[in-house]
C-alpha atoms as a PDB file:
ATOM      1  CA  UNK A   1     214.131  34.179 -75.752  1.00  0.00           C
ATOM      2  CA  UNK A   2     215.138  33.124 -72.264  1.00  0.00           C
ATOM      3  CA  UNK A   3     212.511  31.251 -70.319  1.00  0.00           C
ATOM      4  CA  UNK A   4     212.086  31.996 -66.626  1.00  0.00           C
ATOM      5  CA  UNK A   5     209.471  30.976 -64.085  1.00  0.00           C
ATOM      6  CA  UNK A   6     208.086  33.643 -61.769  1.00  0.00           C
ATOM      7  CA  UNK A   7     206.665  33.764 -58.269  1.00  0.00           C
ATOM      8  CA  UNK A   8     204.915  36.922 -57.080  1.00  0.00           C
ATOM      9  CA  UNK A   9     205.219  37.729 -53.382  1.00  0.00           C
ATOM     10  CA  UNK A  10     203.672  40.706 -51.580  1.00  0.00           C
ATOM     11  CA  UNK A  11     206.900  42.722 -51.862  1.00  0.00           C
ATOM     12  CA  UNK A  12     208.950  41.033 -54.597  1.00  0.00           C
ATOM     13  CA  UNK A  13     208.940  39.122 -57.847  1.00  0.00           C
ATOM     14  CA  UNK A  14     211.229  36.081 -57.842  1.00  0.00           C
ATOM     15  CA  UNK A  15     212.365  34.285 -60.963  1.00  0.00           C
ATOM     16  CA  UNK A  16     213.803  30.836 -61.472  1.00  0.00           C
ATOM     17  CA  UNK A  17     215.511  28.940 -64.296  1.00  0.00           C
ATOM     18  CA  UNK A  18     213.050  26.036 -64.192  1.00  0.00           C
ATOM     19  CA  UNK A  19     209.837  24.920 -62.546  1.00  0.00           C
ATOM     20  CA  UNK A  20     211.873  22.236 -60.758  1.00  0.00           C
ATOM     21  CA  UNK A  21     214.083  24.911 -59.172  1.00  0.00           C
ATOM     22  CA  UNK A  22     211.023  26.939 -58.258  1.00  0.00           C
ATOM     23  CA  UNK A  23     209.215  23.964 -56.721  1.00  0.00           C
ATOM     24  CA  UNK A  24     212.201  22.435 -54.898  1.00  0.00           C
ATOM     25  CA  UNK A  25     213.156  25.507 -52.890  1.00  0.00           C
ATOM     26  CA  UNK A  26     216.319  26.392 -54.837  1.00  0.00           C
ATOM     27  CA  UNK A  27     217.366  30.010 -54.356  1.00  0.00           C
ATOM     28  CA  UNK A  28     215.800  32.283 -57.039  1.00  0.00           C
ATOM     29  CA  UNK A  29     217.983  33.242 -59.992  1.00  0.00           C
ATOM     30  CA  UNK A  30     216.867  36.817 -59.412  1.00  0.00           C
ATOM     31  CA  UNK A  31     214.581  38.973 -57.305  1.00  0.00           C
ATOM     32  CA  UNK A  32     212.833  42.202 -58.224  1.00  0.00           C
ATOM     33  CA  UNK A  33     211.727  44.430 -55.384  1.00  0.00           C
ATOM     34  CA  UNK A  34     208.235  45.715 -56.157  1.00  0.00           C
ATOM     35  CA  UNK A  35     209.216  49.030 -54.549  1.00  0.00           C
ATOM     36  CA  UNK A  36     211.570  49.605 -57.504  1.00  0.00           C
ATOM     37  CA  UNK A  37     208.863  49.209 -60.170  1.00  0.00           C
ATOM     38  CA  UNK A  38     208.191  52.586 -61.781  1.00  0.00           C
ATOM     39  CA  UNK A  39     205.882  51.543 -64.659  1.00  0.00           C
ATOM     40  CA  UNK A  40     204.015  48.490 -65.892  1.00  0.00           C
ATOM     41  CA  UNK A  41     202.565  48.138 -69.366  1.00  0.00           C
ATOM     42  CA  UNK A  42     200.348  45.116 -69.954  1.00  0.00           C
ATOM     43  CA  UNK A  43     199.660  44.377 -73.615  1.00  0.00           C
ATOM     44  CA  UNK A  44     196.726  42.017 -73.373  1.00  0.00           C
ATOM     45  CA  UNK A  45     196.655  41.009 -77.060  1.00  0.00           C
ATOM     46  CA  UNK A  46     200.376  40.224 -77.098  1.00  0.00           C
ATOM     47  CA  UNK A  47     200.237  38.595 -73.636  1.00  0.00           C
ATOM     48  CA  UNK A  48     203.263  40.588 -72.431  1.00  0.00           C
ATOM     49  CA  UNK A  49     204.056  42.621 -69.333  1.00  0.00           C
ATOM     50  CA  UNK A  50     206.756  45.268 -69.492  1.00  0.00           C
ATOM     51  CA  UNK A  51     208.078  46.392 -66.134  1.00  0.00           C
ATOM     52  CA  UNK A  52     210.419  49.354 -65.788  1.00  0.00           C
ATOM     53  CA  UNK A  53     212.512  49.545 -62.652  1.00  0.00           C
ATOM     54  CA  UNK A  54     214.979  52.142 -61.479  1.00  0.00           C
ATOM     55  CA  UNK A  55     217.922  50.236 -62.989  1.00  0.00           C
ATOM     56  CA  UNK A  56     216.492  47.779 -65.532  1.00  0.00           C
ATOM     57  CA  UNK A  57     213.574  46.654 -67.692  1.00  0.00           C
ATOM     58  CA  UNK A  58     211.812  43.309 -67.822  1.00  0.00           C
ATOM     59  CA  UNK A  59     209.472  41.865 -70.402  1.00  0.00           C
ATOM     60  CA  UNK A  60     207.442  38.864 -69.302  1.00  0.00           C
ATOM     61  CA  UNK A  61     205.490  36.836 -71.862  1.00  0.00           C
ATOM     62  CA  UNK A  62     202.559  34.620 -70.930  1.00  0.00           C
ATOM     63  CA  UNK A  63     201.457  31.438 -72.681  1.00  0.00           C
ATOM     64  CA  UNK A  64     197.706  32.015 -72.398  1.00  0.00           C
ATOM     65  CA  UNK A  65     195.162  34.826 -72.065  1.00  0.00           C
ATOM     66  CA  UNK A  66     194.109  33.351 -68.721  1.00  0.00           C
ATOM     67  CA  UNK A  67     197.665  33.542 -67.342  1.00  0.00           C
ATOM     68  CA  UNK A  68     197.886  37.119 -68.552  1.00  0.00           C
ATOM     69  CA  UNK A  69     194.655  38.097 -66.789  1.00  0.00           C
ATOM     70  CA  UNK A  70     195.785  36.433 -63.549  1.00  0.00           C
ATOM     71  CA  UNK A  71     199.148  38.236 -63.559  1.00  0.00           C
ATOM     72  CA  UNK A  72     197.658  41.612 -64.453  1.00  0.00           C
ATOM     73  CA  UNK A  73     195.030  41.288 -61.717  1.00  0.00           C
ATOM     74  CA  UNK A  74     197.594  40.212 -59.100  1.00  0.00           C
ATOM     75  CA  UNK A  75     200.061  42.978 -60.000  1.00  0.00           C
ATOM     76  CA  UNK A  76     197.299  45.564 -60.157  1.00  0.00           C
ATOM     77  CA  UNK A  77     196.105  44.524 -56.703  1.00  0.00           C
ATOM     78  CA  UNK A  78     199.642  45.033 -55.326  1.00  0.00           C
ATOM     79  CA  UNK A  79     200.799  48.041 -57.364  1.00  0.00           C
ATOM     80  CA  UNK A  80     197.798  49.640 -59.065  1.00  0.00           C
ATOM     81  CA  UNK A  81     197.186  52.253 -56.399  1.00  0.00           C
ATOM     82  CA  UNK A  82     200.832  53.276 -55.957  1.00  0.00           C
ATOM     83  CA  UNK A  83     201.571  53.396 -59.708  1.00  0.00           C
ATOM     84  CA  UNK A  84     198.298  55.054 -60.695  1.00  0.00           C
ATOM     85  CA  UNK A  85     198.437  56.057 -64.372  1.00  0.00           C
ATOM     86  CA  UNK A  86     201.852  54.415 -64.709  1.00  0.00           C
ATOM     87  CA  UNK A  87     200.089  51.021 -64.678  1.00  0.00           C
ATOM     88  CA  UNK A  88     198.831  50.702 -68.243  1.00  0.00           C
ATOM     89  CA  UNK A  89     196.600  47.934 -69.501  1.00  0.00           C
ATOM     90  CA  UNK A  90     196.406  47.995 -73.298  1.00  0.00           C
ATOM     91  CA  UNK A  91     193.648  46.022 -74.948  1.00  0.00           C
ATOM     92  CA  UNK A  92     194.074  44.675 -78.489  1.00  0.00           C
ATOM     93  CA  UNK A  93     192.789  46.933 -81.244  1.00  0.00           C
ATOM     94  CA  UNK A  94     189.595  45.745 -82.901  1.00  0.00           C
ATOM     95  CA  UNK A  95     190.044  44.583 -86.484  1.00  0.00           C
ATOM     96  CA  UNK A  96     189.640  47.439 -88.913  1.00  0.00           C
ATOM     97  CA  UNK A  97     186.649  47.434 -91.226  1.00  0.00           C
ATOM     98  CA  UNK A  98     187.184  48.105 -94.900  1.00  0.00           C
ATOM     99  CA  UNK A  99     186.279  51.632 -95.978  1.00  0.00           C
ATOM    100  CA  UNK A 100     183.018  52.054 -97.837  1.00  0.00           C
ATOM    101  CA  UNK A 101     182.355  54.371-100.711  1.00  0.00           C
ATOM    102  CA  UNK A 102     180.300  57.509 -99.991  1.00  0.00           C
ATOM    103  CA  UNK A 103     177.477  56.224-102.220  1.00  0.00           C
ATOM    104  CA  UNK A 104     177.312  52.931-100.341  1.00  0.00           C
ATOM    105  CA  UNK A 105     177.277  54.621 -96.980  1.00  0.00           C
ATOM    106  CA  UNK A 106     174.492  57.013 -98.030  1.00  0.00           C
ATOM    107  CA  UNK A 107     172.461  54.150 -99.477  1.00  0.00           C
ATOM    108  CA  UNK A 108     172.676  52.101 -96.259  1.00  0.00           C
ATOM    109  CA  UNK A 109     172.268  54.904 -93.747  1.00  0.00           C
ATOM    110  CA  UNK A 110     168.785  55.879 -92.649  1.00  0.00           C
ATOM    111  CA  UNK A 111     167.378  59.076 -94.084  1.00  0.00           C
ATOM    112  CA  UNK A 112     165.151  61.301 -91.953  1.00  0.00           C
ATOM    113  CA  UNK A 113     162.111  59.774 -93.663  1.00  0.00           C
ATOM    114  CA  UNK A 114     162.901  56.155 -92.927  1.00  0.00           C
ATOM    115  CA  UNK A 115     164.881  56.477 -89.724  1.00  0.00           C
ATOM    116  CA  UNK A 116     163.930  54.105 -86.954  1.00  0.00           C
ATOM    117  CA  UNK A 117     161.175  55.284 -84.618  1.00  0.00           C
ATOM    118  CA  UNK A 118     161.791  55.293 -80.915  1.00  0.00           C
ATOM    119  CA  UNK A 119     158.798  54.677 -78.732  1.00  0.00           C
ATOM    120  CA  UNK A 120     158.657  56.083 -75.223  1.00  0.00           C
END
């Protein structure tokens, strides 16, 4: 996995080899024009952003949930309207619950006689 450090501008995404390069004003290793972005898929549970451009694909991994939220919010603010349903935010699936036997589910479910009463 190659590590890069990103800076989001209003019209481009710049990436650098190190934080030192980014902070010292060294020319970016690469630049992505936001006009070229055709889809974004944010997988919140995996903390990854997949960006498809006209000529290439990028996958950006975050270290923390907070970083992921910040990037998704910033990108959505810039590109959400223009991409519409091509900006996908996927939440993690909830853990599955073990199946119960039909007898157990009947025993625990309320019958018409003992169902909860709703007061107006």
